[in-house]
Amino acid sequence: MRWALASLLIVQVLVVGWAKTPARVAGVVTEVQGQAQIRRVGQSSWQPMRVNMSVYPGDVVRTGKKGKVVLWRPIGRAEVIGPNKTVRVSPAKNDVRDSVWRDLWQSVVSRMRKNFSEESLATVAAARLLPPEPNTLTLLFPRNSRVLDQRPFFLWREVDKAQGYRVIIGFFDQDRRVWETTVTKPPFRYPADAPQLKPGKTYIWQVEAIGVPNASDSAWFAVAHPGEANDVRFTLQQLRKATPDNLAYSLMAASLLEAKGFYWEAIRLLQAVTNQHPRQPEPFIVLANLYDTVGLEGFAAEMRVRAQSGLKSVRSLGWQVAATR
């Protein structure tokens, strides 16, 4: 019942928000690259497309040789228009079955069926987790992921008897260090006076525990272009306004971040919502996938254990029935 009300509320918010326009908004532009133009319905002239521009049914979008446009649809999907395309914008579906929540819910159901059957979850729950190796240094953030912040925070799991930590950040494809420092403990933020991290460039970072033999770990990260980071933040803000239910918003926002490669931004978002909804298995299921993606299998196994403990709650909400409607 709670999710049914949340779904209806999401749809009502979307409908009310768009009812103020002469025609129902069919999407919002979240990314523009190269040459991209739009011809409004009923008009003959073309105008340049820009981020945050609303599009309506009947509008025509065209892209050049290196053009690209990404439309964020009301049903919660991103539509990509590639180079040398001419596309007429179709109306946004308004059926409750095509609502933002239902689209996400179907995605969650699909993940549960594919990766988290009752048998596999029960097996993990019975075995629990293997005891972690003592004194293992593990990089946590950013780990094999893109990041939105131009000066990211760095976090790792500490080890006993460490006299400090040596942090090295270098180019992924070159055997030289660009920056090195020593800190007493995590976390720390990349300093403003350190060499600037170039957007789109892949870096590798390594942490070594001082005074502890063989205690080190490394991972890669890449900083997003400021324009893309702002677009992502704006999209998340709009999604937040249209989705009052915090769990629904967190799952959808995490899905968006995951699709763009911001895995640890998605992980941090879901970690927060699991504290508010510790018995809901959906965020743990998505977290397990994300942890596998960044190479933290032990963390992923723990998420599967917690997802299994809430499996009965999911079924009481009728996720299997909802998938066949």
C-alpha atoms as a PDB file:
ATOM      1  CA  MET A   1       0.000   0.000   0.000  1.00  0.00           C
ATOM      2  CA  ARG A   2       2.828   2.412   0.839  1.00  0.00           C
ATOM      3  CA  TRP A   3       4.436   1.913  -2.558  1.00  0.00           C
ATOM      4  CA  ALA A   4       1.105   2.223  -4.351  1.00  0.00           C
ATOM      5  CA  LEU A   5       0.575   5.585  -2.674  1.00  0.00           C
ATOM      6  CA  ALA A   6       4.134   6.641  -3.458  1.00  0.00           C
ATOM      7  CA  SER A   7       3.669   5.726  -7.120  1.00  0.00           C
ATOM      8  CA  LEU A   8       0.433   7.693  -7.370  1.00  0.00           C
ATOM      9  CA  LEU A   9       2.007  10.658  -5.603  1.00  0.00           C
ATOM     10  CA  ILE A  10       4.924  10.710  -8.033  1.00  0.00           C
ATOM     11  CA  VAL A  11       2.540  10.673 -10.993  1.00  0.00           C
ATOM     12  CA  GLN A  12       0.407  13.453  -9.459  1.00  0.00           C
ATOM     13  CA  VAL A  13       3.481  15.639  -8.898  1.00  0.00           C
ATOM     14  CA  LEU A  14       4.609  15.158 -12.480  1.00  0.00           C
ATOM     15  CA  VAL A  15       1.157  15.877 -13.888  1.00  0.00           C
ATOM     16  CA  VAL A  16       0.624  18.986 -11.772  1.00  0.00           C
ATOM     17  CA  GLY A  17       4.083  20.325 -12.615  1.00  0.00           C
ATOM     18  CA  TRP A  18       3.541  20.004 -16.365  1.00  0.00           C
ATOM     19  CA  ALA A  19      -0.096  21.111 -16.447  1.00  0.00           C
ATOM     20  CA  LYS A  20       1.049  24.738 -16.287  1.00  0.00           C
ATOM     21  CA  THR A  21       2.449  24.542 -19.838  1.00  0.00           C
ATOM     22  CA  PRO A  22       0.237  24.788 -22.968  1.00  0.00           C
ATOM     23  CA  ALA A  23       1.327  21.264 -23.949  1.00  0.00           C
ATOM     24  CA  ARG A  24       2.577  18.456 -21.777  1.00  0.00           C
ATOM     25  CA  VAL A  25       6.377  18.489 -21.586  1.00  0.00           C
ATOM     26  CA  ALA A  26       7.830  15.463 -23.375  1.00  0.00           C
ATOM     27  CA  GLY A  27      11.316  15.772 -21.922  1.00  0.00           C
ATOM     28  CA  VAL A  28      14.147  17.993 -20.720  1.00  0.00           C
ATOM     29  CA  VAL A  29      17.530  18.370 -22.428  1.00  0.00           C
ATOM     30  CA  THR A  30      20.305  17.217 -20.086  1.00  0.00           C
ATOM     31  CA  GLU A  31      23.244  17.103 -22.521  1.00  0.00           C
ATOM     32  CA  VAL A  32      24.187  18.786 -25.808  1.00  0.00           C
ATOM     33  CA  GLN A  33      27.328  18.124 -27.837  1.00  0.00           C
ATOM     34  CA  GLY A  34      28.343  19.534 -31.192  1.00  0.00           C
ATOM     35  CA  GLN A  35      25.704  20.929 -33.541  1.00  0.00           C
ATOM     36  CA  ALA A  36      22.144  20.369 -32.372  1.00  0.00           C
ATOM     37  CA  GLN A  37      19.015  22.319 -33.321  1.00  0.00           C
ATOM     38  CA  ILE A  38      15.305  22.200 -32.588  1.00  0.00           C
ATOM     39  CA  ARG A  39      12.279  23.292 -34.615  1.00  0.00           C
ATOM     40  CA  ARG A  40       9.258  23.944 -32.465  1.00  0.00           C
ATOM     41  CA  VAL A  41       5.954  22.454 -33.513  1.00  0.00           C
ATOM     42  CA  GLY A  42       4.081  24.841 -35.827  1.00  0.00           C
ATOM     43  CA  GLN A  43       7.212  26.873 -36.603  1.00  0.00           C
ATOM     44  CA  SER A  44       9.552  26.854 -39.609  1.00  0.00           C
ATOM     45  CA  SER A  45      12.736  28.256 -38.063  1.00  0.00           C
ATOM     46  CA  TRP A  46      15.434  26.299 -36.247  1.00  0.00           C
ATOM     47  CA  GLN A  47      17.118  27.334 -33.008  1.00  0.00           C
ATOM     48  CA  PRO A  48      20.156  25.987 -31.121  1.00  0.00           C
ATOM     49  CA  MET A  49      19.472  23.455 -28.391  1.00  0.00           C
ATOM     50  CA  ARG A  50      20.750  24.032 -24.877  1.00  0.00           C
ATOM     51  CA  VAL A  51      20.853  22.182 -21.594  1.00  0.00           C
ATOM     52  CA  ASN A  52      17.691  22.489 -19.416  1.00  0.00           C
ATOM     53  CA  MET A  53      15.525  23.256 -22.478  1.00  0.00           C
ATOM     54  CA  SER A  54      12.075  21.647 -22.398  1.00  0.00           C
ATOM     55  CA  VAL A  55      10.851  19.799 -25.484  1.00  0.00           C
ATOM     56  CA  TYR A  56       7.233  19.181 -26.469  1.00  0.00           C
ATOM     57  CA  PRO A  57       5.406  16.620 -28.623  1.00  0.00           C
ATOM     58  CA  GLY A  58       5.845  17.431 -32.303  1.00  0.00           C
ATOM     59  CA  ASP A  59       9.130  19.324 -31.880  1.00  0.00           C
ATOM     60  CA  VAL A  60      11.814  18.195 -34.317  1.00  0.00           C
ATOM     61  CA  VAL A  61      15.424  17.708 -33.192  1.00  0.00           C
ATOM     62  CA  ARG A  62      18.308  17.423 -35.625  1.00  0.00           C
ATOM     63  CA  THR A  63      22.003  16.850 -34.995  1.00  0.00           C
ATOM     64  CA  GLY A  64      25.121  17.451 -37.074  1.00  0.00           C
ATOM     65  CA  LYS A  65      28.034  15.189 -37.917  1.00  0.00           C
ATOM     66  CA  LYS A  66      29.363  15.240 -34.345  1.00  0.00           C
ATOM     67  CA  GLY A  67      26.144  16.220 -32.636  1.00  0.00           C
ATOM     68  CA  LYS A  68      24.495  14.512 -29.706  1.00  0.00           C
ATOM     69  CA  VAL A  69      21.462  15.300 -27.561  1.00  0.00           C
ATOM     70  CA  VAL A  70      20.276  13.524 -24.407  1.00  0.00           C
ATOM     71  CA  LEU A  71      16.631  13.949 -23.393  1.00  0.00           C
ATOM     72  CA  TRP A  72      15.458  13.037 -19.895  1.00  0.00           C
ATOM     73  CA  ARG A  73      11.969  11.595 -20.306  1.00  0.00           C
ATOM     74  CA  PRO A  74       9.186  11.908 -17.673  1.00  0.00           C
ATOM     75  CA  ILE A  75       9.016   8.110 -17.391  1.00  0.00           C
ATOM     76  CA  GLY A  76      12.527   8.184 -15.949  1.00  0.00           C
ATOM     77  CA  ARG A  77      14.563   7.199 -19.010  1.00  0.00           C
ATOM     78  CA  ALA A  78      17.307   8.970 -20.913  1.00  0.00           C
ATOM     79  CA  GLU A  79      16.859   9.086 -24.694  1.00  0.00           C
ATOM     80  CA  VAL A  80      20.043   9.625 -26.730  1.00  0.00           C
ATOM     81  CA  ILE A  81      19.900  11.221 -30.186  1.00  0.00           C
ATOM     82  CA  GLY A  82      23.191  10.548 -31.964  1.00  0.00           C
ATOM     83  CA  PRO A  83      24.991  12.251 -34.874  1.00  0.00           C
ATOM     84  CA  ASN A  84      23.251  13.054 -38.180  1.00  0.00           C
ATOM     85  CA  LYS A  85      19.768  12.356 -36.858  1.00  0.00           C
ATOM     86  CA  THR A  86      16.425  14.075 -37.370  1.00  0.00           C
ATOM     87  CA  VAL A  87      13.882  13.002 -34.756  1.00  0.00           C
ATOM     88  CA  ARG A  88      10.325  14.127 -34.097  1.00  0.00           C
ATOM     89  CA  VAL A  89       9.634  14.204 -30.361  1.00  0.00           C
ATOM     90  CA  SER A  90       6.908  11.789 -29.335  1.00  0.00           C
ATOM     91  CA  PRO A  91       4.465  12.466 -26.494  1.00  0.00           C
ATOM     92  CA  ALA A  92       5.393  11.314 -23.015  1.00  0.00           C
ATOM     93  CA  LYS A  93       3.344   8.384 -21.822  1.00  0.00           C
ATOM     94  CA  ASN A  94       0.980   9.215 -18.996  1.00  0.00           C
ATOM     95  CA  ASP A  95      -0.178   5.774 -17.915  1.00  0.00           C
ATOM     96  CA  VAL A  96       0.464   4.896 -14.273  1.00  0.00           C
ATOM     97  CA  ARG A  97       2.139   1.707 -15.503  1.00  0.00           C
ATOM     98  CA  ASP A  98       4.728   3.882 -17.262  1.00  0.00           C
ATOM     99  CA  SER A  99       5.357   6.121 -14.294  1.00  0.00           C
ATOM    100  CA  VAL A 100       8.836   6.859 -12.996  1.00  0.00           C
ATOM    101  CA  TRP A 101       8.357   4.508 -10.076  1.00  0.00           C
ATOM    102  CA  ARG A 102       7.035   1.607 -12.144  1.00  0.00           C
ATOM    103  CA  ASP A 103       9.908   1.893 -14.621  1.00  0.00           C
ATOM    104  CA  LEU A 104      12.409   1.755 -11.775  1.00  0.00           C
ATOM    105  CA  TRP A 105      10.493  -0.977  -9.977  1.00  0.00           C
ATOM    106  CA  GLN A 106      10.624  -3.143 -13.093  1.00  0.00           C
ATOM    107  CA  SER A 107      14.388  -2.591 -13.193  1.00  0.00           C
ATOM    108  CA  VAL A 108      14.693  -3.684  -9.565  1.00  0.00           C
ATOM    109  CA  VAL A 109      12.554  -6.759 -10.228  1.00  0.00           C
ATOM    110  CA  SER A 110      14.715  -7.629 -13.225  1.00  0.00           C
ATOM    111  CA  ARG A 111      17.859  -7.409 -11.115  1.00  0.00           C
ATOM    112  CA  MET A 112      16.366  -9.591  -8.408  1.00  0.00           C
ATOM    113  CA  ARG A 113      15.350 -12.255 -10.904  1.00  0.00           C
ATOM    114  CA  LYS A 114      18.678 -12.231 -12.747  1.00  0.00           C
ATOM    115  CA  ASN A 115      21.191 -11.961  -9.924  1.00  0.00           C
ATOM    116  CA  PHE A 116      19.419 -12.525  -6.639  1.00  0.00           C
ATOM    117  CA  SER A 117      17.201 -15.584  -6.784  1.00  0.00           C
ATOM    118  CA  GLU A 118      15.915 -16.962  -3.507  1.00  0.00           C
ATOM    119  CA  GLU A 119      18.328 -19.885  -3.811  1.00  0.00           C
ATOM    120  CA  SER A 120      21.413 -17.728  -4.314  1.00  0.00           C
ATOM    121  CA  LEU A 121      20.434 -15.310  -1.566  1.00  0.00           C
ATOM    122  CA  ALA A 122      19.716 -18.133   0.845  1.00  0.00           C
ATOM    123  CA  THR A 123      23.084 -19.727   0.070  1.00  0.00           C
ATOM    124  CA  VAL A 124      24.896 -16.485   0.834  1.00  0.00           C
ATOM    125  CA  ALA A 125      22.869 -15.966   3.981  1.00  0.00           C
ATOM    126  CA  ALA A 126      23.667 -19.462   5.207  1.00  0.00           C
ATOM    127  CA  ALA A 127      27.370 -19.125   4.508  1.00  0.00           C
ATOM    128  CA  ARG A 128      27.481 -15.558   5.761  1.00  0.00           C
ATOM    129  CA  LEU A 129      30.758 -13.814   5.021  1.00  0.00           C
ATOM    130  CA  LEU A 130      34.263 -15.182   5.200  1.00  0.00           C
ATOM    131  CA  PRO A 131      36.165 -13.420   7.976  1.00  0.00           C
ATOM    132  CA  PRO A 132      37.991 -10.443   6.449  1.00  0.00           C
ATOM    133  CA  GLU A 133      41.745 -10.690   6.338  1.00  0.00           C
ATOM    134  CA  PRO A 134      43.199  -8.869   9.358  1.00  0.00           C
ATOM    135  CA  ASN A 135      44.939  -5.577   8.752  1.00  0.00           C
ATOM    136  CA  THR A 136      43.875  -5.244   5.116  1.00  0.00           C
ATOM    137  CA  LEU A 137      44.074  -1.760   3.651  1.00  0.00           C
ATOM    138  CA  THR A 138      41.225  -1.232   1.174  1.00  0.00           C
ATOM    139  CA  LEU A 139      40.553   1.843  -0.938  1.00  0.00           C
ATOM    140  CA  LEU A 140      36.912   2.881  -0.721  1.00  0.00           C
ATOM    141  CA  PHE A 141      36.356   6.222  -2.475  1.00  0.00           C
ATOM    142  CA  PRO A 142      36.885   6.994  -5.272  1.00  0.00           C
ATOM    143  CA  ARG A 143      37.383   3.402  -6.361  1.00  0.00           C
ATOM    144  CA  ASN A 144      37.306   2.577 -10.083  1.00  0.00           C
ATOM    145  CA  SER A 145      34.741   5.284 -10.718  1.00  0.00           C
ATOM    146  CA  ARG A 146      34.153   8.710 -12.181  1.00  0.00           C
ATOM    147  CA  VAL A 147      33.600  11.535  -9.681  1.00  0.00           C
ATOM    148  CA  LEU A 148      31.597  14.767  -9.838  1.00  0.00           C
ATOM    149  CA  ASP A 149      33.817  16.838  -7.537  1.00  0.00           C
ATOM    150  CA  GLN A 150      36.849  18.556  -9.060  1.00  0.00           C
ATOM    151  CA  ARG A 151      38.610  18.122  -5.708  1.00  0.00           C
ATOM    152  CA  PRO A 152      37.409  14.720  -4.516  1.00  0.00           C
ATOM    153  CA  PHE A 153      37.616  13.287  -1.037  1.00  0.00           C
ATOM    154  CA  PHE A 154      39.696  10.142  -0.613  1.00  0.00           C
ATOM    155  CA  LEU A 155      38.701   7.410   1.810  1.00  0.00           C
ATOM    156  CA  TRP A 156      40.126   3.989   2.677  1.00  0.00           C
ATOM    157  CA  ARG A 157      39.844   1.362   5.373  1.00  0.00           C
ATOM    158  CA  GLU A 158      42.583   1.830   7.959  1.00  0.00           C
ATOM    159  CA  VAL A 159      44.942  -0.835   9.284  1.00  0.00           C
ATOM    160  CA  ASP A 160      46.286  -1.438  12.772  1.00  0.00           C
ATOM    161  CA  LYS A 161      49.658  -0.039  13.827  1.00  0.00           C
ATOM    162  CA  ALA A 162      49.949   2.266  10.812  1.00  0.00           C
ATOM    163  CA  GLN A 163      52.160   5.274  11.555  1.00  0.00           C
ATOM    164  CA  GLY A 164      50.451   7.240   8.808  1.00  0.00           C
ATOM    165  CA  TYR A 165      49.601   6.789   5.165  1.00  0.00           C
ATOM    166  CA  ARG A 166      51.438   7.697   1.985  1.00  0.00           C
ATOM    167  CA  VAL A 167      49.048   8.770  -0.777  1.00  0.00           C
ATOM    168  CA  ILE A 168      50.268   8.763  -4.371  1.00  0.00           C
ATOM    169  CA  ILE A 169      48.230  10.046  -7.314  1.00  0.00           C
ATOM    170  CA  GLY A 170      49.583   9.562 -10.815  1.00  0.00           C
ATOM    171  CA  PHE A 171      48.632   9.139 -14.444  1.00  0.00           C
ATOM    172  CA  PHE A 172      47.087   5.793 -15.222  1.00  0.00           C
ATOM    173  CA  ASP A 173      49.117   5.322 -18.406  1.00  0.00           C
ATOM    174  CA  GLN A 174      52.453   6.772 -17.291  1.00  0.00           C
ATOM    175  CA  ASP A 175      54.980   5.515 -14.785  1.00  0.00           C
ATOM    176  CA  ARG A 176      55.449   8.761 -12.913  1.00  0.00           C
ATOM    177  CA  ARG A 177      53.927  10.428  -9.875  1.00  0.00           C
ATOM    178  CA  VAL A 178      52.048  13.688 -10.206  1.00  0.00           C
ATOM    179  CA  TRP A 179      51.431  14.252  -6.540  1.00  0.00           C
ATOM    180  CA  GLU A 180      52.298  12.635  -3.225  1.00  0.00           C
ATOM    181  CA  THR A 181      51.537  13.421   0.382  1.00  0.00           C
ATOM    182  CA  THR A 182      51.492  11.820   3.828  1.00  0.00           C
ATOM    183  CA  VAL A 183      48.455  11.929   6.116  1.00  0.00           C
ATOM    184  CA  THR A 184      47.731  10.554   9.559  1.00  0.00           C
ATOM    185  CA  LYS A 185      44.371   8.986   8.689  1.00  0.00           C
ATOM    186  CA  PRO A 186      41.517   9.159   6.178  1.00  0.00           C
ATOM    187  CA  PRO A 187      39.563  10.882   4.812  1.00  0.00           C
ATOM    188  CA  PHE A 188      41.225  13.839   3.183  1.00  0.00           C
ATOM    189  CA  ARG A 189      40.300  16.158   0.335  1.00  0.00           C
ATOM    190  CA  TYR A 190      42.510  16.809  -2.659  1.00  0.00           C
ATOM    191  CA  PRO A 191      44.134  20.161  -1.806  1.00  0.00           C
ATOM    192  CA  ALA A 192      43.477  23.322  -3.789  1.00  0.00           C
ATOM    193  CA  ASP A 193      47.235  23.981  -4.116  1.00  0.00           C
ATOM    194  CA  ALA A 194      47.972  20.519  -5.552  1.00  0.00           C
ATOM    195  CA  PRO A 195      48.297  20.004  -9.334  1.00  0.00           C
ATOM    196  CA  GLN A 196      44.896  20.398 -10.971  1.00  0.00           C
ATOM    197  CA  LEU A 197      43.149  17.181 -11.917  1.00  0.00           C
ATOM    198  CA  LYS A 198      42.172  17.380 -15.588  1.00  0.00           C
ATOM    199  CA  PRO A 199      38.543  16.539 -16.457  1.00  0.00           C
ATOM    200  CA  GLY A 200      38.241  13.336 -18.436  1.00  0.00           C
ATOM    201  CA  LYS A 201      41.754  12.179 -17.549  1.00  0.00           C
ATOM    202  CA  THR A 202      42.083   8.834 -15.808  1.00  0.00           C
ATOM    203  CA  TYR A 203      44.282   8.769 -12.713  1.00  0.00           C
ATOM    204  CA  ILE A 204      45.469   5.976 -10.524  1.00  0.00           C
ATOM    205  CA  TRP A 205      45.830   6.485  -6.787  1.00  0.00           C
ATOM    206  CA  GLN A 206      47.596   4.325  -4.264  1.00  0.00           C
ATOM    207  CA  VAL A 207      47.745   4.319  -0.478  1.00  0.00           C
ATOM    208  CA  GLU A 208      50.528   2.683   1.513  1.00  0.00           C
ATOM    209  CA  ALA A 209      50.377   2.161   5.284  1.00  0.00           C
ATOM    210  CA  ILE A 210      53.604   3.449   6.809  1.00  0.00           C
ATOM    211  CA  GLY A 211      55.207   0.903   9.148  1.00  0.00           C
ATOM    212  CA  VAL A 212      52.983  -1.993   8.038  1.00  0.00           C
ATOM    213  CA  PRO A 213      54.555  -4.346   5.463  1.00  0.00           C
ATOM    214  CA  ASN A 214      52.546  -5.164   2.325  1.00  0.00           C
ATOM    215  CA  ALA A 215      49.631  -2.942   3.372  1.00  0.00           C
ATOM    216  CA  SER A 216      48.669  -1.044   0.230  1.00  0.00           C
ATOM    217  CA  ASP A 217      45.937  -0.802  -2.368  1.00  0.00           C
ATOM    218  CA  SER A 218      45.367   1.079  -5.629  1.00  0.00           C
ATOM    219  CA  ALA A 219      42.442   2.043  -7.865  1.00  0.00           C
ATOM    220  CA  TRP A 220      41.587   4.427 -10.704  1.00  0.00           C
ATOM    221  CA  PHE A 221      39.310   7.445 -10.879  1.00  0.00           C
ATOM    222  CA  ALA A 222      38.390  10.134 -13.392  1.00  0.00           C
ATOM    223  CA  VAL A 223      37.032  13.640 -12.772  1.00  0.00           C
ATOM    224  CA  ALA A 224      33.987  14.728 -14.775  1.00  0.00           C
ATOM    225  CA  HIS A 225      33.985  17.926 -16.788  1.00  0.00           C
ATOM    226  CA  PRO A 226      32.452  20.765 -14.722  1.00  0.00           C
ATOM    227  CA  GLY A 227      29.685  21.227 -17.304  1.00  0.00           C
ATOM    228  CA  GLU A 228      28.671  17.585 -17.133  1.00  0.00           C
ATOM    229  CA  ALA A 229      28.855  17.607 -13.332  1.00  0.00           C
ATOM    230  CA  ASN A 230      26.523  20.612 -13.203  1.00  0.00           C
ATOM    231  CA  ASP A 231      24.101  18.938 -15.616  1.00  0.00           C
ATOM    232  CA  VAL A 232      23.998  15.803 -13.483  1.00  0.00           C
ATOM    233  CA  ARG A 233      23.412  17.808 -10.303  1.00  0.00           C
ATOM    234  CA  PHE A 234      20.614  19.771 -11.980  1.00  0.00           C
ATOM    235  CA  THR A 235      18.945  16.576 -13.189  1.00  0.00           C
ATOM    236  CA  LEU A 236      19.116  15.134  -9.689  1.00  0.00           C
ATOM    237  CA  GLN A 237      17.553  18.307  -8.292  1.00  0.00           C
ATOM    238  CA  GLN A 238      14.666  18.085 -10.753  1.00  0.00           C
ATOM    239  CA  LEU A 239      14.202  14.406  -9.956  1.00  0.00           C
ATOM    240  CA  ARG A 240      14.218  15.211  -6.248  1.00  0.00           C
ATOM    241  CA  LYS A 241      11.448  17.795  -6.717  1.00  0.00           C
ATOM    242  CA  ALA A 242       9.332  15.354  -8.714  1.00  0.00           C
ATOM    243  CA  THR A 243       9.824  12.408  -6.334  1.00  0.00           C
ATOM    244  CA  PRO A 244       8.726  13.085  -2.735  1.00  0.00           C
ATOM    245  CA  ASP A 245       9.411   9.527  -1.558  1.00  0.00           C
ATOM    246  CA  ASN A 246      13.060   9.389  -0.500  1.00  0.00           C
ATOM    247  CA  LEU A 247      13.572   5.681  -1.190  1.00  0.00           C
ATOM    248  CA  ALA A 248      12.124   5.971  -4.695  1.00  0.00           C
ATOM    249  CA  TYR A 249      14.246   9.033  -5.385  1.00  0.00           C
ATOM    250  CA  SER A 250      17.429   7.383  -4.111  1.00  0.00           C
ATOM    251  CA  LEU A 251      16.946   4.304  -6.275  1.00  0.00           C
ATOM    252  CA  MET A 252      16.226   6.348  -9.395  1.00  0.00           C
ATOM    253  CA  ALA A 253      19.065   8.790  -8.739  1.00  0.00           C
ATOM    254  CA  ALA A 254      21.465   5.896  -8.156  1.00  0.00           C
ATOM    255  CA  SER A 255      20.348   4.368 -11.449  1.00  0.00           C
ATOM    256  CA  LEU A 256      21.121   7.636 -13.252  1.00  0.00           C
ATOM    257  CA  LEU A 257      24.531   7.967 -11.595  1.00  0.00           C
ATOM    258  CA  GLU A 258      25.407   4.343 -12.331  1.00  0.00           C
ATOM    259  CA  ALA A 259      24.521   4.771 -16.013  1.00  0.00           C
ATOM    260  CA  LYS A 260      26.966   7.682 -16.248  1.00  0.00           C
ATOM    261  CA  GLY A 261      29.777   5.866 -14.453  1.00  0.00           C
ATOM    262  CA  PHE A 262      29.557   7.740 -11.132  1.00  0.00           C
ATOM    263  CA  TYR A 263      29.474   4.499  -9.168  1.00  0.00           C
ATOM    264  CA  TRP A 264      30.632   5.831  -5.839  1.00  0.00           C
ATOM    265  CA  GLU A 265      28.273   8.781  -5.930  1.00  0.00           C
ATOM    266  CA  ALA A 266      25.494   6.187  -6.332  1.00  0.00           C
ATOM    267  CA  ILE A 267      26.925   4.032  -3.553  1.00  0.00           C
ATOM    268  CA  ARG A 268      27.072   6.900  -1.069  1.00  0.00           C
ATOM    269  CA  LEU A 269      23.497   7.860  -1.893  1.00  0.00           C
ATOM    270  CA  LEU A 270      22.232   4.324  -1.322  1.00  0.00           C
ATOM    271  CA  GLN A 271      24.282   3.888   1.851  1.00  0.00           C
ATOM    272  CA  ALA A 272      22.405   6.819   3.341  1.00  0.00           C
ATOM    273  CA  VAL A 273      18.969   5.470   2.398  1.00  0.00           C
ATOM    274  CA  THR A 274      19.714   2.013   3.853  1.00  0.00           C
ATOM    275  CA  ASN A 275      20.054   3.652   7.258  1.00  0.00           C
ATOM    276  CA  GLN A 276      16.527   5.020   6.866  1.00  0.00           C
ATOM    277  CA  HIS A 277      15.072   1.819   5.379  1.00  0.00           C
ATOM    278  CA  PRO A 278      17.148  -1.037   6.845  1.00  0.00           C
ATOM    279  CA  ARG A 279      14.540  -3.704   6.005  1.00  0.00           C
ATOM    280  CA  GLN A 280      13.936  -2.727   2.386  1.00  0.00           C
ATOM    281  CA  PRO A 281      15.961  -5.057   0.139  1.00  0.00           C
ATOM    282  CA  GLU A 282      15.919  -2.915  -3.033  1.00  0.00           C
ATOM    283  CA  PRO A 283      18.806  -0.569  -2.125  1.00  0.00           C
ATOM    284  CA  PHE A 284      20.901  -3.506  -0.910  1.00  0.00           C
ATOM    285  CA  ILE A 285      20.350  -5.306  -4.216  1.00  0.00           C
ATOM    286  CA  VAL A 286      21.513  -2.293  -6.199  1.00  0.00           C
ATOM    287  CA  LEU A 287      24.418  -1.758  -3.809  1.00  0.00           C
ATOM    288  CA  ALA A 288      25.571  -5.349  -4.330  1.00  0.00           C
ATOM    289  CA  ASN A 289      25.777  -4.747  -8.085  1.00  0.00           C
ATOM    290  CA  LEU A 290      27.665  -1.503  -7.578  1.00  0.00           C
ATOM    291  CA  TYR A 291      30.163  -3.020  -5.152  1.00  0.00           C
ATOM    292  CA  ASP A 292      30.832  -5.805  -7.646  1.00  0.00           C
ATOM    293  CA  THR A 293      31.409  -3.182 -10.343  1.00  0.00           C
ATOM    294  CA  VAL A 294      34.080  -1.338  -8.349  1.00  0.00           C
ATOM    295  CA  GLY A 295      35.770  -4.535  -7.198  1.00  0.00           C
ATOM    296  CA  LEU A 296      34.601  -4.920  -3.604  1.00  0.00           C
ATOM    297  CA  GLU A 297      33.210  -8.455  -3.628  1.00  0.00           C
ATOM    298  CA  GLY A 298      33.159  -8.755   0.155  1.00  0.00           C
ATOM    299  CA  PHE A 299      30.983  -5.680   0.477  1.00  0.00           C
ATOM    300  CA  ALA A 300      28.726  -7.028  -2.288  1.00  0.00           C
ATOM    301  CA  ALA A 301      28.266 -10.309  -0.412  1.00  0.00           C
ATOM    302  CA  GLU A 302      27.257  -8.419   2.721  1.00  0.00           C
ATOM    303  CA  MET A 303      24.626  -6.505   0.735  1.00  0.00           C
ATOM    304  CA  ARG A 304      23.201  -9.780  -0.593  1.00  0.00           C
ATOM    305  CA  VAL A 305      22.906 -11.085   2.953  1.00  0.00           C
ATOM    306  CA  ARG A 306      20.963  -8.001   3.995  1.00  0.00           C
ATOM    307  CA  ALA A 307      18.818  -8.157   0.854  1.00  0.00           C
ATOM    308  CA  GLN A 308      17.911 -11.753   1.631  1.00  0.00           C
ATOM    309  CA  SER A 309      16.770 -10.817   5.121  1.00  0.00           C
ATOM    310  CA  GLY A 310      14.253  -8.405   3.608  1.00  0.00           C
ATOM    311  CA  LEU A 311      13.095 -10.658   0.784  1.00  0.00           C
ATOM    312  CA  LYS A 312       9.801 -11.496   2.500  1.00  0.00           C
ATOM    313  CA  SER A 313       9.021  -7.800   2.808  1.00  0.00           C
ATOM    314  CA  VAL A 314       9.419  -7.377  -0.938  1.00  0.00           C
ATOM    315  CA  ARG A 315       7.082 -10.253  -1.657  1.00  0.00           C
ATOM    316  CA  SER A 316       4.518  -8.881   0.747  1.00  0.00           C
ATOM    317  CA  LEU A 317       4.496  -5.797  -1.475  1.00  0.00           C
ATOM    318  CA  GLY A 318       3.806  -7.960  -4.507  1.00  0.00           C
ATOM    319  CA  TRP A 319       6.863  -7.311  -6.642  1.00  0.00           C
ATOM    320  CA  GLN A 320       6.294 -10.529  -8.604  1.00  0.00           C
ATOM    321  CA  VAL A 321       2.676  -9.583  -9.273  1.00  0.00           C
ATOM    322  CA  ALA A 322       3.626  -6.050 -10.285  1.00  0.00           C
ATOM    323  CA  ALA A 323       6.061  -7.383 -12.864  1.00  0.00           C
ATOM    324  CA  THR A 324       3.317  -9.286 -14.704  1.00  0.00           C
ATOM    325  CA  ARG A 325       0.641  -6.586 -14.819  1.00  0.00           C
END
